[in-house]
Amino acid sequence: MLHISGELTIYRAAELKQFLLQALPQSSGHLDLDLSGVTEMDVAGLQVLMTVKQAAQARQGDLHLVNHSPAVVDVFEILNVAAFFGDPLVIGESLA
């Protein structure tokens, strides 16, 4: 399980994309990504998550998002993209 904390925005998009793509198993692997520490998210951050999910699926694996922070839930709800990821939107108890 990997944890992302801080901003998931255009200012960190390239760095996070490279990091997450390198963290993907090369074949048939699954990656769990804990988003409880994300304090801010924009469309660039969303695009990073979508790209990594598609890359994982291309390798016969998947990306699972867990412990969505309120910032992540806000973006997912505004842009109606929760179905793309297929993970339940659950905010961690400490954040609720």
N, C-alpha and C. Protein backbone atom coordinates (compact mmCIF):
# COMPACT_ATOMS: atom_id res chain seq x y z
N MET A 1 0.85 -1.17 0.00
CA MET A 1 0.00 0.00 0.00
C MET A 1 0.90 1.23 0.00
N LEU A 2 0.57 2.15 -0.89
CA LEU A 2 1.28 3.43 -0.93
C LEU A 2 0.36 4.51 -0.38
N HIS A 3 0.96 5.52 0.22
CA HIS A 3 0.22 6.65 0.77
C HIS A 3 0.64 7.92 0.04
N ILE A 4 -0.34 8.73 -0.32
CA ILE A 4 -0.05 10.05 -0.88
C ILE A 4 -0.52 11.07 0.14
N SER A 5 0.35 12.04 0.39
CA SER A 5 -0.05 13.11 1.31
C SER A 5 0.27 14.45 0.66
N GLY A 6 -0.42 15.46 1.12
CA GLY A 6 -0.24 16.80 0.58
C GLY A 6 -1.10 17.00 -0.66
N GLU A 7 -0.61 17.87 -1.53
CA GLU A 7 -1.36 18.22 -2.72
C GLU A 7 -1.24 17.16 -3.82
N LEU A 8 -2.35 16.91 -4.47
CA LEU A 8 -2.39 16.08 -5.67
C LEU A 8 -2.90 17.02 -6.77
N THR A 9 -2.00 17.95 -7.15
CA THR A 9 -2.36 19.02 -8.06
C THR A 9 -1.35 19.12 -9.20
N ILE A 10 -1.59 20.05 -10.07
CA ILE A 10 -0.72 20.26 -11.22
C ILE A 10 0.72 20.49 -10.81
N TYR A 11 0.94 21.04 -9.64
CA TYR A 11 2.30 21.34 -9.18
C TYR A 11 3.11 20.09 -8.88
N ARG A 12 2.44 18.97 -8.62
CA ARG A 12 3.12 17.71 -8.32
C ARG A 12 2.77 16.60 -9.29
N ALA A 13 1.95 16.90 -10.29
CA ALA A 13 1.41 15.86 -11.17
C ALA A 13 2.50 15.04 -11.85
N ALA A 14 3.48 15.69 -12.44
CA ALA A 14 4.52 14.96 -13.17
C ALA A 14 5.32 14.07 -12.23
N GLU A 15 5.67 14.59 -11.07
CA GLU A 15 6.43 13.83 -10.08
C GLU A 15 5.64 12.61 -9.60
N LEU A 16 4.38 12.82 -9.26
CA LEU A 16 3.55 11.72 -8.75
C LEU A 16 3.26 10.69 -9.83
N LYS A 17 3.04 11.14 -11.05
CA LYS A 17 2.79 10.20 -12.14
C LYS A 17 3.97 9.27 -12.33
N GLN A 18 5.15 9.81 -12.38
CA GLN A 18 6.35 9.00 -12.55
C GLN A 18 6.52 8.03 -11.37
N PHE A 19 6.35 8.52 -10.16
CA PHE A 19 6.49 7.69 -8.96
C PHE A 19 5.49 6.54 -8.97
N LEU A 20 4.23 6.84 -9.26
CA LEU A 20 3.19 5.81 -9.22
C LEU A 20 3.35 4.79 -10.34
N LEU A 21 3.72 5.24 -11.52
CA LEU A 21 3.93 4.30 -12.61
C LEU A 21 5.10 3.36 -12.31
N GLN A 22 6.13 3.86 -11.67
CA GLN A 22 7.26 3.01 -11.29
C GLN A 22 6.87 2.04 -10.18
N ALA A 23 5.90 2.43 -9.36
CA ALA A 23 5.48 1.57 -8.25
C ALA A 23 4.58 0.43 -8.70
N LEU A 24 4.03 0.53 -9.91
CA LEU A 24 3.15 -0.54 -10.40
C LEU A 24 3.96 -1.82 -10.62
N PRO A 25 3.42 -2.94 -10.20
CA PRO A 25 4.06 -4.21 -10.54
C PRO A 25 4.11 -4.37 -12.05
N GLN A 26 5.12 -5.03 -12.55
CA GLN A 26 5.31 -5.16 -13.98
C GLN A 26 4.26 -6.05 -14.65
N SER A 27 3.69 -6.99 -13.92
CA SER A 27 2.65 -7.83 -14.52
C SER A 27 1.70 -8.34 -13.45
N SER A 28 0.46 -8.34 -13.79
CA SER A 28 -0.61 -8.93 -12.97
C SER A 28 -0.61 -8.47 -11.52
N GLY A 29 -0.17 -7.28 -11.26
CA GLY A 29 -0.14 -6.81 -9.89
C GLY A 29 -1.20 -5.79 -9.59
N HIS A 30 -1.48 -5.66 -8.34
CA HIS A 30 -2.45 -4.69 -7.87
C HIS A 30 -1.74 -3.71 -6.95
N LEU A 31 -2.14 -2.46 -7.04
CA LEU A 31 -1.57 -1.42 -6.20
C LEU A 31 -2.69 -0.75 -5.44
N ASP A 32 -2.57 -0.72 -4.12
CA ASP A 32 -3.52 0.00 -3.28
C ASP A 32 -2.92 1.35 -2.96
N LEU A 33 -3.71 2.40 -3.14
CA LEU A 33 -3.24 3.76 -2.93
C LEU A 33 -4.12 4.43 -1.89
N ASP A 34 -3.53 4.76 -0.76
CA ASP A 34 -4.23 5.42 0.34
C ASP A 34 -4.21 6.92 0.09
N LEU A 35 -5.39 7.51 -0.03
CA LEU A 35 -5.52 8.93 -0.33
C LEU A 35 -5.94 9.75 0.89
N SER A 36 -5.84 9.20 2.07
CA SER A 36 -6.31 9.90 3.26
C SER A 36 -5.52 11.17 3.56
N GLY A 37 -4.29 11.25 3.09
CA GLY A 37 -3.47 12.42 3.36
C GLY A 37 -3.51 13.50 2.30
N VAL A 38 -4.35 13.32 1.28
CA VAL A 38 -4.44 14.31 0.21
C VAL A 38 -5.22 15.52 0.72
N THR A 39 -4.56 16.68 0.70
CA THR A 39 -5.17 17.90 1.23
C THR A 39 -5.83 18.74 0.15
N GLU A 40 -5.41 18.57 -1.09
CA GLU A 40 -5.96 19.33 -2.20
C GLU A 40 -5.80 18.50 -3.47
N MET A 41 -6.80 18.58 -4.34
CA MET A 41 -6.74 17.82 -5.59
C MET A 41 -7.38 18.65 -6.69
N ASP A 42 -6.78 18.60 -7.88
CA ASP A 42 -7.35 19.27 -9.04
C ASP A 42 -7.44 18.28 -10.19
N VAL A 43 -7.81 18.77 -11.36
CA VAL A 43 -8.00 17.90 -12.52
C VAL A 43 -6.70 17.23 -12.93
N ALA A 44 -5.58 17.91 -12.79
CA ALA A 44 -4.29 17.29 -13.12
C ALA A 44 -4.03 16.09 -12.22
N GLY A 45 -4.35 16.20 -10.94
CA GLY A 45 -4.20 15.08 -10.02
C GLY A 45 -5.13 13.94 -10.39
N LEU A 46 -6.34 14.28 -10.78
CA LEU A 46 -7.29 13.26 -11.22
C LEU A 46 -6.76 12.54 -12.46
N GLN A 47 -6.20 13.27 -13.39
CA GLN A 47 -5.64 12.67 -14.60
C GLN A 47 -4.50 11.72 -14.27
N VAL A 48 -3.70 12.04 -13.27
CA VAL A 48 -2.63 11.14 -12.84
C VAL A 48 -3.23 9.82 -12.37
N LEU A 49 -4.24 9.90 -11.52
CA LEU A 49 -4.87 8.68 -11.01
C LEU A 49 -5.49 7.86 -12.14
N MET A 50 -6.12 8.52 -13.09
CA MET A 50 -6.73 7.81 -14.22
C MET A 50 -5.66 7.14 -15.08
N THR A 51 -4.57 7.82 -15.33
CA THR A 51 -3.48 7.27 -16.13
C THR A 51 -2.87 6.05 -15.46
N VAL A 52 -2.66 6.13 -14.16
CA VAL A 52 -2.06 5.01 -13.42
C VAL A 52 -3.02 3.82 -13.40
N LYS A 53 -4.31 4.08 -13.24
CA LYS A 53 -5.29 2.98 -13.27
C LYS A 53 -5.27 2.29 -14.62
N GLN A 54 -5.26 3.06 -15.70
CA GLN A 54 -5.24 2.48 -17.04
C GLN A 54 -3.94 1.70 -17.29
N ALA A 55 -2.82 2.22 -16.80
CA ALA A 55 -1.55 1.51 -16.95
C ALA A 55 -1.56 0.19 -16.19
N ALA A 56 -2.14 0.20 -15.00
CA ALA A 56 -2.24 -1.04 -14.21
C ALA A 56 -3.10 -2.06 -14.93
N GLN A 57 -4.21 -1.63 -15.47
CA GLN A 57 -5.10 -2.56 -16.18
C GLN A 57 -4.45 -3.09 -17.45
N ALA A 58 -3.63 -2.28 -18.10
CA ALA A 58 -2.93 -2.74 -19.30
C ALA A 58 -1.93 -3.85 -18.96
N ARG A 59 -1.49 -3.89 -17.71
CA ARG A 59 -0.57 -4.93 -17.23
C ARG A 59 -1.33 -6.07 -16.56
N GLN A 60 -2.62 -6.13 -16.80
CA GLN A 60 -3.48 -7.16 -16.22
C GLN A 60 -3.60 -7.04 -14.70
N GLY A 61 -3.39 -5.85 -14.18
CA GLY A 61 -3.52 -5.60 -12.75
C GLY A 61 -4.61 -4.57 -12.52
N ASP A 62 -4.50 -3.86 -11.40
CA ASP A 62 -5.48 -2.82 -11.10
C ASP A 62 -4.93 -1.88 -10.04
N LEU A 63 -5.50 -0.70 -10.00
CA LEU A 63 -5.22 0.29 -8.98
C LEU A 63 -6.46 0.44 -8.13
N HIS A 64 -6.30 0.30 -6.83
CA HIS A 64 -7.42 0.45 -5.90
C HIS A 64 -7.15 1.66 -5.02
N LEU A 65 -8.13 2.56 -4.96
CA LEU A 65 -8.03 3.76 -4.14
C LEU A 65 -8.78 3.52 -2.84
N VAL A 66 -8.13 3.85 -1.73
CA VAL A 66 -8.75 3.64 -0.41
C VAL A 66 -8.60 4.90 0.44
N ASN A 67 -9.43 5.00 1.44
CA ASN A 67 -9.39 6.10 2.42
C ASN A 67 -9.36 7.46 1.74
N HIS A 68 -10.33 7.71 0.91
CA HIS A 68 -10.42 8.97 0.18
C HIS A 68 -10.53 10.15 1.15
N SER A 69 -9.70 11.15 0.98
CA SER A 69 -9.80 12.35 1.81
C SER A 69 -11.00 13.18 1.32
N PRO A 70 -11.48 14.11 2.14
CA PRO A 70 -12.58 14.97 1.69
C PRO A 70 -12.24 15.72 0.39
N ALA A 71 -10.99 16.11 0.20
CA ALA A 71 -10.59 16.81 -1.03
C ALA A 71 -10.77 15.92 -2.25
N VAL A 72 -10.45 14.65 -2.11
CA VAL A 72 -10.60 13.70 -3.21
C VAL A 72 -12.08 13.45 -3.49
N VAL A 73 -12.85 13.24 -2.45
CA VAL A 73 -14.28 13.00 -2.61
C VAL A 73 -14.95 14.18 -3.31
N ASP A 74 -14.57 15.40 -2.94
CA ASP A 74 -15.14 16.59 -3.59
C ASP A 74 -14.93 16.56 -5.09
N VAL A 75 -13.70 16.29 -5.53
CA VAL A 75 -13.40 16.27 -6.96
C VAL A 75 -14.15 15.13 -7.64
N PHE A 76 -14.15 13.96 -7.04
CA PHE A 76 -14.85 12.82 -7.62
C PHE A 76 -16.34 13.12 -7.79
N GLU A 77 -16.94 13.78 -6.79
CA GLU A 77 -18.37 14.08 -6.87
C GLU A 77 -18.66 15.17 -7.89
N ILE A 78 -17.83 16.21 -7.91
CA ILE A 78 -18.06 17.30 -8.86
C ILE A 78 -17.95 16.81 -10.29
N LEU A 79 -16.95 15.98 -10.56
CA LEU A 79 -16.70 15.51 -11.93
C LEU A 79 -17.36 14.17 -12.24
N ASN A 80 -18.02 13.58 -11.24
CA ASN A 80 -18.76 12.33 -11.42
C ASN A 80 -17.88 11.23 -12.02
N VAL A 81 -16.73 10.96 -11.39
CA VAL A 81 -15.79 9.97 -11.92
C VAL A 81 -15.63 8.75 -11.02
N ALA A 82 -16.39 8.64 -9.97
CA ALA A 82 -16.25 7.52 -9.05
C ALA A 82 -16.41 6.18 -9.76
N ALA A 83 -17.31 6.09 -10.71
CA ALA A 83 -17.55 4.83 -11.42
C ALA A 83 -16.33 4.40 -12.22
N PHE A 84 -15.55 5.35 -12.74
CA PHE A 84 -14.35 5.01 -13.49
C PHE A 84 -13.39 4.19 -12.65
N PHE A 85 -13.26 4.56 -11.38
CA PHE A 85 -12.32 3.88 -10.50
C PHE A 85 -12.92 2.62 -9.89
N GLY A 86 -14.22 2.60 -9.66
CA GLY A 86 -14.89 1.41 -9.18
C GLY A 86 -14.67 1.10 -7.71
N ASP A 87 -14.01 1.99 -6.99
CA ASP A 87 -13.77 1.78 -5.56
C ASP A 87 -14.82 2.55 -4.77
N PRO A 88 -15.27 1.99 -3.65
CA PRO A 88 -16.22 2.74 -2.82
C PRO A 88 -15.56 3.99 -2.26
N LEU A 89 -16.30 5.09 -2.27
CA LEU A 89 -15.79 6.34 -1.71
C LEU A 89 -15.99 6.32 -0.21
N VAL A 90 -14.93 6.03 0.50
CA VAL A 90 -15.00 5.92 1.94
C VAL A 90 -13.99 6.88 2.54
N ILE A 91 -14.47 7.76 3.38
CA ILE A 91 -13.58 8.68 4.08
C ILE A 91 -13.17 8.01 5.38
N GLY A 92 -11.87 8.03 5.66
CA GLY A 92 -11.37 7.41 6.90
C GLY A 92 -12.03 8.01 8.12
N GLU A 93 -12.19 7.22 9.17
CA GLU A 93 -12.86 7.66 10.39
C GLU A 93 -12.20 8.89 10.99
N SER A 94 -10.89 8.99 10.92
CA SER A 94 -10.21 10.12 11.52
C SER A 94 -10.46 11.41 10.75
N LEU A 95 -10.93 11.31 9.51
CA LEU A 95 -11.17 12.49 8.68
C LEU A 95 -12.64 12.88 8.67
N ALA A 96 -13.50 11.95 9.02
CA ALA A 96 -14.95 12.21 8.92
C ALA A 96 -15.40 13.23 9.93
